[in-house]
Amino acid sequence: MSAAADIFMKHPIHSPEDLGLVIRAVRKSTAVRQDDLAGAAGVSRQFAVDVEKGKPTIQLGRVLLLLQELGISLSVDIPDEASKTLSMLKARRQAKRETSEDSGA
């Protein structure tokens, strides 16, 4: 294993503030400026500031762009029964996409 191997730690997120702190910590630890992160993710600097401050009305899709740019993965823990249902829903969605692609839509 190389000395540069990444080690990841789980941190529970219970609020927009929790997520904002995680984003800020990762950004600062990688010496990325807010405006550079915002530009790379395709969002405004003000949006990045609002996310880091934990603004509760931020748009999730744009937050996911920031997370992706910082290399932060987001996951959720759900009950086993919901996991089975989720797998079924994903399969249906994929089948629908394939049908749509086959029909040239």
Protein backbone atom coordinates (compact mmCIF):
# COMPACT_ATOMS: atom_id res chain seq x y z
CA MET A 1 0.00 0.00 0.00
CA SER A 2 1.34 3.43 -0.92
CA ALA A 3 1.85 6.21 1.59
CA ALA A 4 -0.69 8.27 -0.36
CA ALA A 5 -3.50 5.75 0.15
CA ASP A 6 -6.79 7.44 0.97
CA ILE A 7 -8.46 6.57 4.24
CA PHE A 8 -12.13 7.45 4.51
CA MET A 9 -14.15 8.02 7.67
CA LYS A 10 -17.93 8.02 8.02
CA HIS A 11 -19.53 11.10 9.51
CA PRO A 12 -23.25 11.15 10.23
CA ILE A 13 -25.23 14.00 8.69
CA HIS A 14 -28.29 15.14 10.60
CA SER A 15 -28.66 18.68 9.33
CA PRO A 16 -27.60 21.06 6.57
CA GLU A 17 -25.07 22.45 9.05
CA ASP A 18 -23.46 19.01 9.45
CA LEU A 19 -23.11 18.66 5.69
CA GLY A 20 -21.77 22.19 5.36
CA LEU A 21 -19.07 21.53 7.95
CA VAL A 22 -18.01 18.34 6.16
CA ILE A 23 -17.76 20.16 2.84
CA ARG A 24 -15.80 23.02 4.41
CA ALA A 25 -13.41 20.62 6.17
CA VAL A 26 -12.67 18.67 2.99
CA ARG A 27 -12.28 21.84 0.94
CA LYS A 28 -9.90 23.40 3.46
CA SER A 29 -7.90 20.18 3.92
CA THR A 30 -7.29 20.07 0.18
CA ALA A 31 -6.42 23.80 0.05
CA VAL A 32 -9.19 24.59 -2.44
CA ARG A 33 -10.65 28.09 -2.42
CA GLN A 34 -14.43 28.51 -2.36
CA ASP A 35 -14.48 30.33 -5.68
CA ASP A 36 -12.34 27.64 -7.32
CA LEU A 37 -14.59 24.88 -6.01
CA ALA A 38 -17.69 26.75 -7.12
CA GLY A 39 -16.29 27.32 -10.60
CA ALA A 40 -15.22 23.69 -11.01
CA ALA A 41 -18.66 22.48 -9.88
CA GLY A 42 -20.53 24.99 -12.02
CA VAL A 43 -22.21 26.83 -9.15
CA SER A 44 -21.84 30.36 -7.83
CA ARG A 45 -19.42 31.25 -5.04
CA GLN A 46 -22.40 32.45 -2.99
CA PHE A 47 -24.00 29.03 -3.33
CA ALA A 48 -20.81 27.37 -2.03
CA VAL A 49 -20.75 29.82 0.90
CA ASP A 50 -24.42 29.10 1.68
CA VAL A 51 -23.81 25.34 1.64
CA GLU A 52 -20.86 25.61 4.00
CA LYS A 53 -22.93 27.76 6.36
CA GLY A 54 -25.66 25.11 6.41
CA LYS A 55 -28.41 27.10 4.70
CA PRO A 56 -31.47 24.83 4.92
CA THR A 57 -32.99 25.78 1.56
CA ILE A 58 -30.11 24.80 -0.73
CA GLN A 59 -30.75 22.76 -3.87
CA LEU A 60 -29.70 19.14 -3.44
CA GLY A 61 -28.66 18.65 -7.07
CA ARG A 62 -26.19 21.51 -6.84
CA VAL A 63 -24.88 20.25 -3.48
CA LEU A 64 -24.20 16.89 -5.14
CA LEU A 65 -22.05 18.72 -7.73
CA LEU A 66 -19.94 20.19 -4.92
CA LEU A 67 -19.62 16.80 -3.24
CA GLN A 68 -18.55 15.17 -6.49
CA GLU A 69 -15.96 17.87 -7.15
CA LEU A 70 -14.48 17.33 -3.66
CA GLY A 71 -14.49 13.54 -4.00
CA ILE A 72 -17.05 13.11 -1.22
CA SER A 73 -19.40 10.17 -1.61
CA LEU A 74 -22.85 10.35 -0.10
CA SER A 75 -24.75 7.29 1.03
CA VAL A 76 -27.75 6.50 3.17
CA ASP A 77 -28.54 3.65 5.52
CA ILE A 78 -31.98 2.17 4.92
CA PRO A 79 -33.79 -0.86 6.36
CA ASP A 80 -33.24 -4.20 4.60
CA GLU A 81 -36.83 -4.38 3.39
CA ALA A 82 -36.52 -0.95 1.78
CA SER A 83 -33.29 -2.13 0.17
CA LYS A 84 -35.17 -4.91 -1.61
CA THR A 85 -37.78 -2.44 -2.81
CA LEU A 86 -35.07 -0.05 -3.96
CA SER A 87 -33.44 -2.79 -6.04
CA MET A 88 -36.78 -3.52 -7.68
CA LEU A 89 -37.39 0.17 -8.43
CA LYS A 90 -33.91 0.55 -9.92
CA ALA A 91 -34.49 -2.48 -12.16
CA ARG A 92 -37.79 -1.01 -13.37
CA ARG A 93 -36.15 2.35 -14.09
CA GLN A 94 -33.35 0.67 -16.03
CA ALA A 95 -35.82 -1.40 -18.06
CA LYS A 96 -37.80 1.76 -18.83
CA ARG A 97 -34.63 3.51 -20.01
CA GLU A 98 -33.67 0.59 -22.22
CA THR A 99 -37.15 0.50 -23.74
CA SER A 100 -36.96 4.23 -24.33
CA GLU A 101 -33.54 3.93 -26.00
CA ASP A 102 -34.72 1.03 -28.19
CA SER A 103 -37.65 3.08 -29.43
CA GLY A 104 -35.35 5.97 -30.35
CA ALA A 105 -36.86 8.39 -27.87
